[in-house]
Amino acid sequence: MQGKTTYPNAAGTGRLLLRVSGIVLLAIGLIGISFGSAWSPQVYKFFSGIEVMTFIDTFMPYFPFVPFYPIFIITTGAFLVVKSR
C-alpha cells in the first residue's frame, strides 16, 4: 500500500454528499432558467428598494446579475459533481 490509508466509508459518504448536492443545484438552476420570468420581477423589486444597489446599477448594466443567477447555480452544481469524482 506504500503508506496510503483508505477510508472507504468516509470517502464514499463525502463523495456521495458532493454528488447529491451538485445534482440538486443543477436541478434548481435548470428550474430557475425555465421559470425566470416568474421569479425575476420579485428579485428586481427587492433590489430596487436597496439604495446602494440603485446607485451601483446606474454605472453597471445587469449589476445584481439577476439573469445570471441560474447560470451561477448550475456552474456551482457542475463543480460539485466533478469534484465528487
Protein backbone atom coordinates (compact mmCIF):
# COMPACT_ATOMS: atom_id res chain seq x y z
CA MET A 1 0.00 0.00 0.00
CA GLN A 2 3.07 2.26 0.28
CA GLY A 3 1.77 4.39 3.12
CA LYS A 4 -1.69 5.01 1.72
CA THR A 5 -4.54 4.65 4.13
CA THR A 6 -8.02 4.31 2.73
CA TYR A 7 -11.23 5.15 4.48
CA PRO A 8 -13.89 3.69 2.21
CA ASN A 9 -16.92 4.77 4.24
CA ALA A 10 -15.79 8.34 4.91
CA ALA A 11 -14.65 8.97 1.35
CA GLY A 12 -17.77 7.37 -0.10
CA THR A 13 -20.06 9.42 2.12
CA GLY A 14 -18.27 12.66 1.27
CA ARG A 15 -18.35 11.92 -2.43
CA LEU A 16 -21.99 10.98 -2.27
CA LEU A 17 -22.81 14.19 -0.43
CA LEU A 18 -20.95 16.28 -3.03
CA ARG A 19 -22.62 14.46 -5.91
CA VAL A 20 -26.13 14.72 -4.48
CA SER A 21 -25.76 18.39 -3.59
CA GLY A 22 -24.35 19.07 -7.06
CA ILE A 23 -27.25 17.32 -8.74
CA VAL A 24 -29.73 19.24 -6.57
CA LEU A 25 -28.06 22.54 -7.52
CA LEU A 26 -28.12 21.58 -11.19
CA ALA A 27 -31.85 20.83 -10.96
CA ILE A 28 -32.55 24.10 -9.13
CA GLY A 29 -30.58 26.02 -11.76
CA LEU A 30 -32.45 24.39 -14.61
CA ILE A 31 -35.79 25.13 -12.96
CA GLY A 32 -34.63 28.72 -12.37
CA ILE A 33 -33.74 29.14 -16.03
CA SER A 34 -37.06 27.64 -17.13
CA PHE A 35 -39.20 29.89 -14.94
CA GLY A 36 -37.09 33.06 -14.86
CA SER A 37 -39.99 35.27 -15.84
CA ALA A 38 -41.85 34.15 -12.71
CA TRP A 39 -39.17 34.92 -10.09
CA SER A 40 -37.03 37.68 -11.62
CA PRO A 41 -39.53 40.58 -11.19
CA GLN A 42 -39.66 39.93 -7.43
CA VAL A 43 -35.86 39.93 -7.21
CA TYR A 44 -35.60 43.16 -9.17
CA LYS A 45 -38.25 44.73 -6.93
CA PHE A 46 -36.32 43.63 -3.83
CA PHE A 47 -33.05 45.06 -5.14
CA SER A 48 -34.67 48.34 -6.23
CA GLY A 49 -35.51 49.06 -2.58
CA ILE A 50 -31.84 48.96 -1.57
CA GLU A 51 -30.22 52.37 -2.07
CA VAL A 52 -26.69 51.07 -2.70
CA MET A 53 -27.92 48.70 -5.41
CA THR A 54 -29.70 51.56 -7.18
CA PHE A 55 -26.53 53.68 -7.11
CA ILE A 56 -24.30 50.88 -8.46
CA ASP A 57 -26.90 49.94 -11.09
CA THR A 58 -26.54 53.39 -12.68
CA PHE A 59 -22.93 52.57 -13.58
CA MET A 60 -23.05 48.83 -14.28
CA PRO A 61 -25.58 47.11 -16.53
CA TYR A 62 -27.14 43.97 -15.06
CA PHE A 63 -25.45 44.73 -11.72
CA PRO A 64 -27.43 42.48 -9.45
CA PHE A 65 -26.73 39.82 -12.12
CA VAL A 66 -30.28 38.52 -11.73
CA PRO A 67 -30.40 36.99 -15.24
CA PHE A 68 -27.21 35.08 -14.44
CA TYR A 69 -28.19 33.59 -11.04
CA PRO A 70 -29.32 30.26 -12.52
CA ILE A 71 -26.10 30.03 -14.53
CA PHE A 72 -24.05 30.62 -11.37
CA ILE A 73 -26.07 27.91 -9.59
CA ILE A 74 -25.60 25.45 -12.47
CA THR A 75 -21.86 26.18 -12.52
CA THR A 76 -21.60 25.52 -8.79
CA GLY A 77 -23.58 22.28 -9.14
CA ALA A 78 -21.41 21.09 -12.03
CA PHE A 79 -18.30 21.89 -9.98
CA LEU A 80 -19.58 19.81 -7.07
CA VAL A 81 -20.43 16.87 -9.32
CA VAL A 82 -16.98 16.96 -10.93
CA LYS A 83 -15.32 17.38 -7.51
CA SER A 84 -17.09 14.22 -6.30
CA ARG A 85 -15.28 12.06 -8.86
